[in-house]
Protein backbone atom coordinates (compact mmCIF):
# COMPACT_ATOMS: atom_id res chain seq x y z
CA MET A 1 -61.65 -13.51 0.87
CA PRO A 2 -60.20 -12.62 -2.55
CA HIS A 3 -59.08 -9.31 -1.10
CA PHE A 4 -56.97 -11.06 1.59
CA ARG A 5 -55.40 -13.32 -1.05
CA ASP A 6 -54.35 -10.26 -3.04
CA VAL A 7 -52.91 -8.68 0.09
CA ALA A 8 -51.02 -11.90 0.97
CA ASP A 9 -49.71 -12.19 -2.60
CA HIS A 10 -48.60 -8.56 -2.57
CA LEU A 11 -46.90 -9.11 0.80
CA ARG A 12 -45.01 -12.18 -0.51
CA ARG A 13 -43.79 -10.30 -3.58
CA THR A 14 -42.71 -7.34 -1.47
CA ASP A 15 -40.92 -9.65 0.97
CA THR A 16 -39.10 -11.39 -1.91
CA GLU A 17 -38.10 -8.07 -3.44
CA VAL A 18 -36.83 -6.71 -0.10
CA ARG A 19 -34.78 -9.86 0.51
CA SER A 20 -33.32 -9.64 -3.00
CA LEU A 21 -32.36 -5.99 -2.51
CA ASP A 22 -30.87 -6.83 0.90
CA GLU A 23 -28.67 -9.53 -0.67
CA LEU A 24 -27.64 -7.14 -3.44
CA LEU A 25 -26.76 -4.43 -0.93
CA ASN A 26 -24.72 -6.91 1.13
CA SER A 27 -22.83 -7.97 -2.00
CA VAL A 28 -22.07 -4.35 -2.90
CA LEU A 29 -20.88 -3.66 0.65
CA ASP A 30 -18.64 -6.74 0.63
CA ALA A 31 -17.15 -5.71 -2.72
CA HIS A 32 -16.48 -2.21 -1.43
CA LEU A 33 -14.83 -3.51 1.73
CA ALA A 34 -12.62 -5.81 -0.35
CA ARG A 35 -11.61 -2.86 -2.53
CA VAL A 36 -10.81 -0.72 0.51
CA GLY A 37 -8.70 -3.57 1.89
CA THR A 38 -6.78 -3.73 -1.39
CA TRP A 39 -6.16 0.04 -1.30
CA GLN A 40 -4.91 -0.19 2.28
CA ASN A 41 -2.64 -3.10 1.37
CA ASP A 42 -1.16 -1.13 -1.54
CA ASP A 43 -0.63 1.89 0.72
CA MET A 44 1.15 -0.24 3.32
CA ARG A 45 3.43 -1.71 0.65
CA ARG A 46 4.37 1.76 -0.55
CA ILE A 47 4.96 3.04 2.98
CA SER A 48 7.05 -0.01 3.85
CA ALA A 49 9.10 0.36 0.68
CA TRP A 50 9.83 4.03 1.38
CA ALA A 51 10.59 3.29 5.04
CA ALA A 52 13.08 0.57 4.06
CA ILE A 53 15.12 2.82 1.76
CA PRO A 54 17.15 4.66 4.47
CA GLY A 55 17.71 1.41 6.37
CA HIS A 56 19.44 -0.35 3.49
CA PRO A 57 21.84 1.93 1.64
CA HIS A 58 23.04 0.96 -1.81
CA PRO A 59 26.43 -0.83 -1.88
CA ARG A 60 27.92 1.85 -4.17
CA GLY A 61 26.99 4.47 -1.60
CA GLN A 62 28.79 2.48 1.08
CA ASP A 63 31.90 2.23 -1.09
CA LEU A 64 31.83 5.96 -1.74
CA ARG A 65 31.46 6.78 1.96
CA HIS A 66 34.37 4.46 2.71
CA GLU A 67 36.54 6.24 0.16
CA LEU A 68 35.57 9.69 1.44
CA ARG A 69 36.67 8.96 5.01
CA PRO A 70 40.16 10.30 5.78
CA HIS A 71 42.70 7.49 6.13
CA ALA A 72 45.50 7.47 8.65
CA GLY A 73 48.26 9.78 7.47
CA SER A 74 46.22 11.22 4.58
CA GLU A 75 45.47 14.56 6.24
CA THR A 76 41.91 15.51 5.38
CA PHE A 77 41.77 14.63 1.67
CA PRO A 78 40.30 11.32 0.58
CA THR A 79 42.83 9.01 -1.01
CA TRP A 80 41.23 9.03 -4.45
CA LEU A 81 41.02 12.84 -4.47
CA ARG A 82 44.63 13.29 -3.36
CA SER A 83 45.87 10.95 -6.07
CA THR A 84 44.04 12.93 -8.78
CA SER A 85 45.06 16.38 -7.51
CA VAL A 86 47.54 18.41 -9.48
CA GLY A 87 50.43 19.93 -7.58
């Protein structure tokens, strides 16, 4: 019977070790998945930021476009350019 007790004891230790390694592996997998989620979130923020740039032009750019449009009776020169021209 001592032989079977040794086998049972060895089996219990092996079972405990396997369960411990399984928990450790699950923790590592969860940590990796959380890290991947963070990377994906950062990527989406960057993509969204770059996608939003053309949709919302800077106010100075709008003013400049407004000034560059020909006004009624100003031929084809913008008003600010015509006023600074020599001649």
